[in-house]
Amino acid sequence: MHFKDRKEAGGILAERLISETHNFKDPIVLGIPRGGVAVGYAVIEVLRCPLDVVSLRKLPLPSDPEAGFGAVNLDKKVVLNETLLSQIQIGKPSTSS
């Protein structure tokens, strides 16, 4: 699915959330920087709920810096895409700081 921009994507996402989820009770939208915050803002314009930003750092693939194989949050918790790591056959990265 292609969107004109992130605002359009967020509006469509919000409408889909409304149509597929019938029991919204105090929803909160979480936006991830580098695109997700703009999408999240468009969602909260429709849902009329709070937006919070989740700060993460992407772990980029050596061969494609725009693609990521995981992320690290401010508490240094690492989440890896194990499926992708096994497909591209690179070893697990060191998680030491």
C-alpha atoms as a PDB file:
ATOM      1  CA  MET A   1       0.000   0.000   0.000  1.00  0.00           C
ATOM      2  CA  HIS A   2       1.399   3.407  -0.949  1.00  0.00           C
ATOM      3  CA  PHE A   3       0.521   6.693   0.725  1.00  0.00           C
ATOM      4  CA  LYS A   4       0.857  10.294  -0.410  1.00  0.00           C
ATOM      5  CA  ASP A   5       2.571  11.165   2.880  1.00  0.00           C
ATOM      6  CA  ARG A   6       2.716  10.204   6.556  1.00  0.00           C
ATOM      7  CA  LYS A   7      -0.378  12.266   7.384  1.00  0.00           C
ATOM      8  CA  GLU A   8      -2.431  10.270   4.895  1.00  0.00           C
ATOM      9  CA  ALA A   9      -0.982   7.009   6.268  1.00  0.00           C
ATOM     10  CA  GLY A  10      -1.905   8.004   9.828  1.00  0.00           C
ATOM     11  CA  GLY A  11      -5.434   8.977   8.840  1.00  0.00           C
ATOM     12  CA  ILE A  12      -5.983   5.656   7.094  1.00  0.00           C
ATOM     13  CA  LEU A  13      -4.486   3.794  10.063  1.00  0.00           C
ATOM     14  CA  ALA A  14      -6.788   5.638  12.464  1.00  0.00           C
ATOM     15  CA  GLU A  15      -9.885   4.814  10.418  1.00  0.00           C
ATOM     16  CA  ARG A  16      -8.829   1.175  10.261  1.00  0.00           C
ATOM     17  CA  LEU A  17      -8.252   1.078  14.012  1.00  0.00           C
ATOM     18  CA  ILE A  18     -11.744   2.470  14.557  1.00  0.00           C
ATOM     19  CA  SER A  19     -13.352  -0.018  12.194  1.00  0.00           C
ATOM     20  CA  GLU A  20     -11.491  -3.069  13.535  1.00  0.00           C
ATOM     21  CA  THR A  21     -11.336  -2.210  17.241  1.00  0.00           C
ATOM     22  CA  HIS A  22     -14.666  -1.551  18.862  1.00  0.00           C
ATOM     23  CA  ASN A  23     -13.643  -1.106  22.489  1.00  0.00           C
ATOM     24  CA  PHE A  24     -11.232   1.818  22.635  1.00  0.00           C
ATOM     25  CA  LYS A  25     -10.862   2.787  26.261  1.00  0.00           C
ATOM     26  CA  ASP A  26      -8.327   5.543  26.881  1.00  0.00           C
ATOM     27  CA  PRO A  27      -6.061   4.786  23.913  1.00  0.00           C
ATOM     28  CA  ILE A  28      -2.516   6.145  23.729  1.00  0.00           C
ATOM     29  CA  VAL A  29      -0.604   6.359  20.466  1.00  0.00           C
ATOM     30  CA  LEU A  30       3.141   5.732  20.559  1.00  0.00           C
ATOM     31  CA  GLY A  31       5.231   7.294  17.810  1.00  0.00           C
ATOM     32  CA  ILE A  32       8.770   6.284  16.915  1.00  0.00           C
ATOM     33  CA  PRO A  33      11.041   9.047  15.554  1.00  0.00           C
ATOM     34  CA  ARG A  34      11.989   9.201  11.885  1.00  0.00           C
ATOM     35  CA  GLY A  35       8.493   8.970  10.521  1.00  0.00           C
ATOM     36  CA  GLY A  36       6.382   7.338  13.183  1.00  0.00           C
ATOM     37  CA  VAL A  37       5.730  10.528  15.129  1.00  0.00           C
ATOM     38  CA  ALA A  38       4.163  12.178  12.072  1.00  0.00           C
ATOM     39  CA  VAL A  39       2.006   9.106  11.498  1.00  0.00           C
ATOM     40  CA  GLY A  40       1.089   9.029  15.179  1.00  0.00           C
ATOM     41  CA  TYR A  41       0.112  12.691  15.149  1.00  0.00           C
ATOM     42  CA  ALA A  42      -2.255  12.056  12.248  1.00  0.00           C
ATOM     43  CA  VAL A  43      -3.759   9.140  14.208  1.00  0.00           C
ATOM     44  CA  ILE A  44      -4.393  11.237  17.328  1.00  0.00           C
ATOM     45  CA  GLU A  45      -6.080  13.942  15.257  1.00  0.00           C
ATOM     46  CA  VAL A  46      -8.744  11.362  14.419  1.00  0.00           C
ATOM     47  CA  LEU A  47      -8.834   9.400  17.696  1.00  0.00           C
ATOM     48  CA  ARG A  48      -8.522  12.482  19.938  1.00  0.00           C
ATOM     49  CA  CYS A  49      -6.127  10.781  22.340  1.00  0.00           C
ATOM     50  CA  PRO A  50      -2.620  11.406  23.719  1.00  0.00           C
ATOM     51  CA  LEU A  51       0.560  10.873  21.710  1.00  0.00           C
ATOM     52  CA  ASP A  52       3.807   9.818  23.347  1.00  0.00           C
ATOM     53  CA  VAL A  53       7.173   9.435  21.669  1.00  0.00           C
ATOM     54  CA  VAL A  54       9.237   6.288  22.138  1.00  0.00           C
ATOM     55  CA  SER A  55      12.919   7.005  21.742  1.00  0.00           C
ATOM     56  CA  LEU A  56      14.833   4.189  20.084  1.00  0.00           C
ATOM     57  CA  ARG A  57      18.037   3.811  18.148  1.00  0.00           C
ATOM     58  CA  LYS A  58      17.911   1.577  15.103  1.00  0.00           C
ATOM     59  CA  LEU A  59      20.595  -1.055  14.629  1.00  0.00           C
ATOM     60  CA  PRO A  60      21.279  -0.707  10.886  1.00  0.00           C
ATOM     61  CA  LEU A  61      22.273  -3.475   8.542  1.00  0.00           C
ATOM     62  CA  PRO A  62      25.858  -3.060   7.333  1.00  0.00           C
ATOM     63  CA  SER A  63      24.720  -3.529   3.737  1.00  0.00           C
ATOM     64  CA  ASP A  64      21.709  -1.176   3.992  1.00  0.00           C
ATOM     65  CA  PRO A  65      21.817   1.535   6.690  1.00  0.00           C
ATOM     66  CA  GLU A  66      18.128   2.399   6.101  1.00  0.00           C
ATOM     67  CA  ALA A  67      17.105  -1.142   7.073  1.00  0.00           C
ATOM     68  CA  GLY A  68      17.457  -2.308  10.641  1.00  0.00           C
ATOM     69  CA  PHE A  69      17.895  -5.660  12.315  1.00  0.00           C
ATOM     70  CA  GLY A  70      16.948  -4.407  15.756  1.00  0.00           C
ATOM     71  CA  ALA A  71      16.718  -1.445  18.098  1.00  0.00           C
ATOM     72  CA  VAL A  72      18.010  -0.151  21.425  1.00  0.00           C
ATOM     73  CA  ASN A  73      15.944   1.969  23.815  1.00  0.00           C
ATOM     74  CA  LEU A  74      17.132   4.591  26.319  1.00  0.00           C
ATOM     75  CA  ASP A  75      17.467   1.894  28.994  1.00  0.00           C
ATOM     76  CA  LYS A  76      19.851   0.042  26.647  1.00  0.00           C
ATOM     77  CA  LYS A  77      17.395  -2.825  26.169  1.00  0.00           C
ATOM     78  CA  VAL A  78      18.144  -4.472  22.835  1.00  0.00           C
ATOM     79  CA  VAL A  79      15.450  -6.032  20.675  1.00  0.00           C
ATOM     80  CA  LEU A  80      16.606  -8.018  17.647  1.00  0.00           C
ATOM     81  CA  ASN A  81      14.753  -9.260  14.600  1.00  0.00           C
ATOM     82  CA  GLU A  82      15.909 -12.872  14.967  1.00  0.00           C
ATOM     83  CA  THR A  83      14.219 -13.964  11.737  1.00  0.00           C
ATOM     84  CA  LEU A  84      16.039 -11.327   9.724  1.00  0.00           C
ATOM     85  CA  LEU A  85      19.344 -12.094  11.422  1.00  0.00           C
ATOM     86  CA  SER A  86      19.028 -15.772  10.502  1.00  0.00           C
ATOM     87  CA  GLN A  87      18.109 -14.928   6.902  1.00  0.00           C
ATOM     88  CA  ILE A  88      21.033 -12.617   6.293  1.00  0.00           C
ATOM     89  CA  GLN A  89      23.401 -14.910   8.160  1.00  0.00           C
ATOM     90  CA  ILE A  90      25.294 -12.430  10.243  1.00  0.00           C
ATOM     91  CA  GLY A  91      26.188 -13.199  13.812  1.00  0.00           C
ATOM     92  CA  LYS A  92      24.407 -11.702  16.759  1.00  0.00           C
ATOM     93  CA  PRO A  93      25.822  -8.272  17.526  1.00  0.00           C
ATOM     94  CA  SER A  94      27.560  -7.616  20.810  1.00  0.00           C
ATOM     95  CA  THR A  95      25.168  -5.921  23.210  1.00  0.00           C
ATOM     96  CA  SER A  96      27.844  -4.590  25.536  1.00  0.00           C
ATOM     97  CA  SER A  97      28.176  -0.827  25.856  1.00  0.00           C
END
